[in-house]
């Protein structure tokens, strides 16, 4: 063999990658490079700027419910096309496509579970299903969950994310605002705690109904919370909105929500709030009972 061998090297040199995705992403908020492993290990939040990316319904349930405790309810109620609606494609096709892409058969998944050992009723909205829009089945599932919480005296938590009402169901969709709000009124009368959690984005009829009626209303950081979006408002009013208007920090400053909670702390914070609401109700009952006893003694005298 000569001094300068022309044999091929034993180390294989791969000129092209078999897979074009290396696992690195650019954060849409801070433009820093982050790895998908970092996201998954940090509750799908950017480790550089703490931007909260969306979670699927299954991921949200996993975040809040104790392991193996979630039991789905009313999942057999599925949407239909009562109006025979069609725009660029029939509504029935949109429903089928949404079911395939979102991994759920509607934009709301509801059920019972335990949170740090405490039994609760939990509703989670899924933005991947037709932008989390509220159709008649979403409203029905949430209302049935509220009635279940009322029957079993369970604290209620609903995690909202939505683009608003579902236009393909017209007035049937809009009526869900009144139905869910009326049922929450019954929970309030029964002194059953309800905590509403805003996530990014929550808009339209969801914001204008059950999501804004919590005994305690919390939101994730930098979440868009509105009725009409900023672009629609600016086009209508011909006026530029203030910086960060309609974001959760802006709403906290102006008293529209009670707290901003970072995702890694959300489960523990919700548990603290539930403990506070439960203790408040017990104290109110004790005060009322004491007043009643004093009134009875006064009558006897």
Protein backbone atom coordinates (compact mmCIF):
# COMPACT_ATOMS: atom_id res chain seq x y z
CA UNK A 1 0.00 0.00 0.00
CA UNK A 2 1.40 3.37 -1.00
CA UNK A 3 2.14 6.22 1.35
CA UNK A 4 -0.92 8.10 0.19
CA UNK A 5 -3.73 5.54 0.16
CA UNK A 6 -6.83 6.28 -1.86
CA UNK A 7 -8.96 3.77 0.08
CA UNK A 8 -12.33 5.09 1.23
CA UNK A 9 -12.37 6.19 4.87
CA UNK A 10 -13.91 3.76 7.34
CA UNK A 11 -16.01 6.55 8.90
CA UNK A 12 -19.15 7.06 6.87
CA UNK A 13 -19.81 10.64 5.92
CA UNK A 14 -23.49 11.45 5.49
CA UNK A 15 -23.84 14.22 2.97
CA UNK A 16 -27.56 14.78 3.56
CA UNK A 17 -29.70 14.41 6.65
CA UNK A 18 -32.35 11.71 6.57
CA UNK A 19 -34.62 13.87 8.68
CA UNK A 20 -34.78 17.61 8.04
CA UNK A 21 -36.01 18.37 11.59
CA UNK A 22 -33.21 18.51 14.15
CA UNK A 23 -35.42 19.26 17.15
CA UNK A 24 -34.53 22.97 17.31
CA UNK A 25 -37.23 25.63 17.09
CA UNK A 26 -37.24 29.41 17.07
CA UNK A 27 -39.48 30.85 19.78
CA UNK A 28 -42.24 32.90 18.16
CA UNK A 29 -42.04 35.42 21.01
CA UNK A 30 -38.33 36.03 21.72
CA UNK A 31 -36.83 34.47 18.51
CA UNK A 32 -34.32 32.47 20.58
CA UNK A 33 -33.48 28.91 19.56
CA UNK A 34 -35.01 26.31 21.86
CA UNK A 35 -35.10 22.53 21.69
CA UNK A 36 -38.33 20.56 21.77
CA UNK A 37 -37.02 18.62 24.76
CA UNK A 38 -36.68 21.88 26.69
CA UNK A 39 -40.28 22.75 25.87
CA UNK A 40 -41.68 19.40 26.94
CA UNK A 41 -39.71 19.48 30.19
CA UNK A 42 -40.91 23.04 30.93
CA UNK A 43 -44.68 22.56 30.55
CA UNK A 44 -44.52 23.76 26.93
CA UNK A 45 -43.20 27.16 28.03
CA UNK A 46 -40.18 28.82 26.45
CA UNK A 47 -37.21 28.43 28.85
CA UNK A 48 -35.78 31.77 27.64
CA UNK A 49 -38.77 34.16 27.80
CA UNK A 50 -41.45 32.03 29.53
CA UNK A 51 -43.84 32.36 26.58
CA UNK A 52 -46.71 29.90 27.18
CA UNK A 53 -47.42 27.79 24.10
CA UNK A 54 -50.82 26.13 23.76
CA UNK A 55 -51.50 22.75 25.30
CA UNK A 56 -53.81 20.11 23.89
CA UNK A 57 -56.82 19.01 25.93
CA UNK A 58 -55.01 15.81 26.93
CA UNK A 59 -51.91 17.75 28.02
CA UNK A 60 -54.02 20.17 30.03
CA UNK A 61 -55.80 17.31 31.83
CA UNK A 62 -52.44 15.68 32.55
CA UNK A 63 -51.21 18.99 34.01
CA UNK A 64 -54.13 19.46 36.43
CA UNK A 65 -55.58 16.04 37.24
CA UNK A 66 -53.87 13.58 39.55
CA UNK A 67 -52.40 10.71 37.56
CA UNK A 68 -55.04 8.23 36.41
CA UNK A 69 -57.89 10.05 38.16
CA UNK A 70 -59.66 11.72 35.22
CA UNK A 71 -62.92 10.08 34.16
CA UNK A 72 -64.45 11.63 31.05
CA UNK A 73 -68.17 12.38 31.11
CA UNK A 74 -70.68 13.03 28.32
CA UNK A 75 -68.16 12.20 25.58
CA UNK A 76 -70.89 10.29 23.73
CA UNK A 77 -72.67 13.56 22.88
CA UNK A 78 -71.30 14.54 19.47
CA UNK A 79 -72.08 17.46 17.14
CA UNK A 80 -74.45 17.23 14.18
CA UNK A 81 -75.37 19.63 11.38
CA UNK A 82 -78.86 20.86 12.33
CA UNK A 83 -78.88 23.71 9.79
CA UNK A 84 -77.31 21.89 6.84
CA UNK A 85 -74.69 24.65 6.85
CA UNK A 86 -72.11 24.96 4.09
CA UNK A 87 -69.58 27.69 3.31
CA UNK A 88 -66.40 26.74 1.47
CA UNK A 89 -67.13 23.18 2.57
CA UNK A 90 -70.02 21.41 4.32
CA UNK A 91 -70.11 21.62 8.11
CA UNK A 92 -70.13 17.83 8.35
CA UNK A 93 -66.75 17.73 6.57
CA UNK A 94 -65.34 20.37 8.91
CA UNK A 95 -66.43 18.30 11.90
CA UNK A 96 -64.78 15.16 10.50
CA UNK A 97 -61.54 17.01 9.74
CA UNK A 98 -61.49 18.64 13.17
CA UNK A 99 -62.02 15.32 14.91
CA UNK A 100 -59.10 13.79 13.01
CA UNK A 101 -56.68 16.67 13.57
CA UNK A 102 -57.58 17.52 17.19
CA UNK A 103 -57.78 14.02 18.63
CA UNK A 104 -61.10 14.80 20.37
CA UNK A 105 -64.68 14.63 19.08
CA UNK A 106 -65.53 18.17 20.23
CA UNK A 107 -63.91 21.38 21.46
CA UNK A 108 -64.68 20.62 25.12
CA UNK A 109 -63.58 17.62 27.18
CA UNK A 110 -65.30 17.36 30.56
CA UNK A 111 -65.17 14.94 33.46
CA UNK A 112 -64.34 14.35 37.10
CA UNK A 113 -60.93 13.88 38.69
CA UNK A 114 -58.91 14.64 41.77
CA UNK A 115 -56.58 17.60 42.13
CA UNK A 116 -54.07 16.98 44.93
CA UNK A 117 -56.52 14.44 46.30
CA UNK A 118 -59.52 16.80 46.17
CA UNK A 119 -62.46 15.65 44.00
CA UNK A 120 -63.40 18.23 41.37
CA UNK A 121 -65.35 18.65 38.14
CA UNK A 122 -63.00 19.66 35.33
CA UNK A 123 -63.76 21.08 31.89
CA UNK A 124 -61.03 21.72 29.33
CA UNK A 125 -61.44 23.40 25.95
CA UNK A 126 -59.41 22.31 22.95
CA UNK A 127 -58.35 25.07 20.55
CA UNK A 128 -57.24 22.50 17.98
CA UNK A 129 -60.90 21.59 17.38
CA UNK A 130 -62.31 24.35 15.17
CA UNK A 131 -60.44 27.00 17.19
CA UNK A 132 -62.24 25.94 20.37
CA UNK A 133 -65.48 27.44 19.07
CA UNK A 134 -68.59 26.91 21.20
CA UNK A 135 -71.30 24.99 19.40
CA UNK A 136 -74.39 23.42 20.92
CA UNK A 137 -72.52 20.29 22.06
CA UNK A 138 -69.78 22.31 23.79
CA UNK A 139 -72.46 24.24 25.67
CA UNK A 140 -74.35 21.05 26.48
CA UNK A 141 -71.28 19.23 27.81
CA UNK A 142 -70.28 22.18 29.99
CA UNK A 143 -73.84 22.59 31.30
CA UNK A 144 -74.09 18.89 32.12
CA UNK A 145 -70.74 19.15 33.92
CA UNK A 146 -72.08 22.08 35.96
CA UNK A 147 -75.20 20.10 36.84
CA UNK A 148 -73.01 17.15 37.84
CA UNK A 149 -70.95 19.46 40.08
CA UNK A 150 -74.20 20.74 41.58
CA UNK A 151 -75.51 17.23 42.21
CA UNK A 152 -72.28 15.91 43.74
CA UNK A 153 -71.29 19.23 45.35
CA UNK A 154 -67.95 19.24 43.55
CA UNK A 155 -65.84 22.38 42.99
CA UNK A 156 -65.77 23.28 39.30
CA UNK A 157 -62.76 24.33 37.22
CA UNK A 158 -63.04 25.23 33.53
CA UNK A 159 -59.97 25.97 31.41
CA UNK A 160 -61.03 28.21 28.52
CA UNK A 161 -59.46 28.76 25.13
CA UNK A 162 -61.58 29.69 22.16
CA UNK A 163 -62.12 31.86 19.14
CA UNK A 164 -65.75 32.41 20.15
CA UNK A 165 -69.13 31.13 19.01
CA UNK A 166 -69.39 28.60 16.17
CA UNK A 167 -70.92 30.40 13.21
CA UNK A 168 -71.95 27.14 11.50
CA UNK A 169 -74.62 26.70 14.19
CA UNK A 170 -75.85 30.30 14.24
CA UNK A 171 -78.38 31.04 17.03
CA UNK A 172 -77.98 27.51 18.45
CA UNK A 173 -74.39 28.42 19.27
CA UNK A 174 -75.23 31.83 20.73
CA UNK A 175 -77.85 30.32 23.06
CA UNK A 176 -75.09 28.35 24.81
CA UNK A 177 -73.92 31.62 26.35
CA UNK A 178 -77.22 32.03 28.17
CA UNK A 179 -77.51 28.34 29.07
CA UNK A 180 -74.06 28.04 30.66
CA UNK A 181 -74.43 31.38 32.48
CA UNK A 182 -77.82 30.41 33.92
CA UNK A 183 -76.47 27.09 35.19
CA UNK A 184 -73.52 28.84 36.84
CA UNK A 185 -76.07 30.99 38.66
CA UNK A 186 -77.46 27.83 40.26
CA UNK A 187 -73.95 26.83 41.37
CA UNK A 188 -73.45 30.27 42.88
CA UNK A 189 -76.71 30.00 44.84
CA UNK A 190 -75.61 26.60 46.15
CA UNK A 191 -72.21 28.12 47.14
CA UNK A 192 -70.28 25.62 45.04
CA UNK A 193 -66.88 27.10 44.06
CA UNK A 194 -66.15 27.79 40.41
CA UNK A 195 -62.70 28.80 39.19
CA UNK A 196 -62.25 30.01 35.62
CA UNK A 197 -58.86 29.77 33.90
CA UNK A 198 -58.16 31.94 30.84
CA UNK A 199 -55.52 30.68 28.42
CA UNK A 200 -54.25 32.07 25.13
CA UNK A 201 -56.42 32.94 23.25
CA UNK A 202 -59.91 33.27 24.75
CA UNK A 203 -62.31 35.40 22.78
CA UNK A 204 -65.90 36.03 21.72
CA UNK A 205 -68.86 34.36 23.36
CA UNK A 206 -66.68 32.32 25.72
CA UNK A 207 -65.25 35.49 27.28
CA UNK A 208 -68.73 37.01 27.32
CA UNK A 209 -70.28 34.11 29.21
CA UNK A 210 -69.03 31.35 31.52
CA UNK A 211 -65.30 32.20 31.38
CA UNK A 212 -65.90 35.58 33.05
CA UNK A 213 -68.23 34.31 35.78
CA UNK A 214 -65.80 32.51 38.07
CA UNK A 215 -65.67 33.09 41.81
CA UNK A 216 -61.95 33.41 41.10
CA UNK A 217 -60.67 34.17 37.61
CA UNK A 218 -57.05 33.42 36.78
CA UNK A 219 -55.10 33.60 33.54
CA UNK A 220 -51.82 32.40 32.14
CA UNK A 221 -49.21 35.08 31.32
CA UNK A 222 -49.51 37.05 28.09
CA UNK A 223 -52.84 35.45 27.17
CA UNK A 224 -55.10 37.26 24.70
CA UNK A 225 -58.48 37.73 26.42
CA UNK A 226 -61.12 39.67 24.57
CA UNK A 227 -64.54 39.76 22.95
CA UNK A 228 -63.50 41.17 19.58
CA UNK A 229 -59.83 40.87 18.63
CA UNK A 230 -57.49 43.88 18.51
CA UNK A 231 -57.36 43.93 14.71
CA UNK A 232 -61.17 44.08 14.45
CA UNK A 233 -61.37 46.87 17.04
CA UNK A 234 -58.67 48.93 15.35
CA UNK A 235 -60.34 48.57 11.94
CA UNK A 236 -63.72 49.54 13.40
CA UNK A 237 -62.59 52.49 15.54
CA UNK A 238 -59.78 53.59 13.22
CA UNK A 239 -57.69 53.96 16.36
CA UNK A 240 -54.59 52.17 17.59
CA UNK A 241 -55.02 50.24 20.85
CA UNK A 242 -52.60 50.72 23.78
CA UNK A 243 -49.63 48.33 23.91
CA UNK A 244 -50.56 44.91 25.33
CA UNK A 245 -54.24 45.82 25.44
CA UNK A 246 -56.44 42.74 25.91
CA UNK A 247 -53.53 40.75 27.32
CA UNK A 248 -53.85 39.15 30.76
CA UNK A 249 -51.41 41.64 32.36
CA UNK A 250 -53.54 44.55 31.10
CA UNK A 251 -56.73 42.93 32.40
CA UNK A 252 -55.19 42.25 35.81
CA UNK A 253 -54.16 45.90 36.09
CA UNK A 254 -57.74 47.00 35.32
CA UNK A 255 -59.47 44.51 37.62
CA UNK A 256 -60.94 42.13 35.05
CA UNK A 257 -59.13 39.07 36.41
CA UNK A 258 -57.88 38.14 39.88
CA UNK A 259 -54.45 36.63 39.25
CA UNK A 260 -51.88 35.64 36.66
CA UNK A 261 -50.45 32.20 37.34
CA UNK A 262 -47.49 30.64 35.54
CA UNK A 263 -48.20 27.18 34.22
CA UNK A 264 -45.77 25.23 36.45
CA UNK A 265 -47.53 26.73 39.49
CA UNK A 266 -51.10 26.40 38.22
CA UNK A 267 -52.08 23.12 39.90
CA UNK A 268 -50.85 24.19 43.33
CA UNK A 269 -52.43 27.64 43.02
CA UNK A 270 -55.80 26.16 42.06
CA UNK A 271 -55.60 23.85 45.06
CA UNK A 272 -54.89 26.88 47.30
CA UNK A 273 -57.85 28.81 45.84
CA UNK A 274 -60.18 25.84 46.32
CA UNK A 275 -59.05 25.48 49.91
CA UNK A 276 -59.72 29.19 50.49
CA UNK A 277 -63.21 29.04 48.92
CA UNK A 278 -64.11 25.91 50.84
CA UNK A 279 -62.94 27.45 54.12
CA UNK A 280 -64.85 30.66 53.39
CA UNK A 281 -68.07 28.72 52.80
CA UNK A 282 -67.58 26.72 56.01
CA UNK A 283 -66.99 29.92 57.99
CA UNK A 284 -70.12 31.52 56.48
CA UNK A 285 -72.18 28.48 57.48
CA UNK A 286 -70.80 28.61 61.01
CA UNK A 287 -71.57 32.33 61.28
CA UNK A 288 -75.10 31.80 59.93
CA UNK A 289 -75.69 28.90 62.35
CA UNK A 290 -74.46 30.99 65.28
CA UNK A 291 -76.78 33.86 64.30
CA UNK A 292 -79.68 31.44 63.99
CA UNK A 293 -79.00 29.99 67.46
CA UNK A 294 -78.83 33.47 69.01
CA UNK A 295 -82.11 34.42 67.33
CA UNK A 296 -83.81 31.30 68.69
CA UNK A 297 -82.57 32.05 72.21
CA UNK A 298 -83.89 35.60 71.91
CA UNK A 299 -87.32 34.28 70.95
CA UNK A 300 -87.36 31.98 73.99
CA UNK A 301 -86.58 34.91 76.26
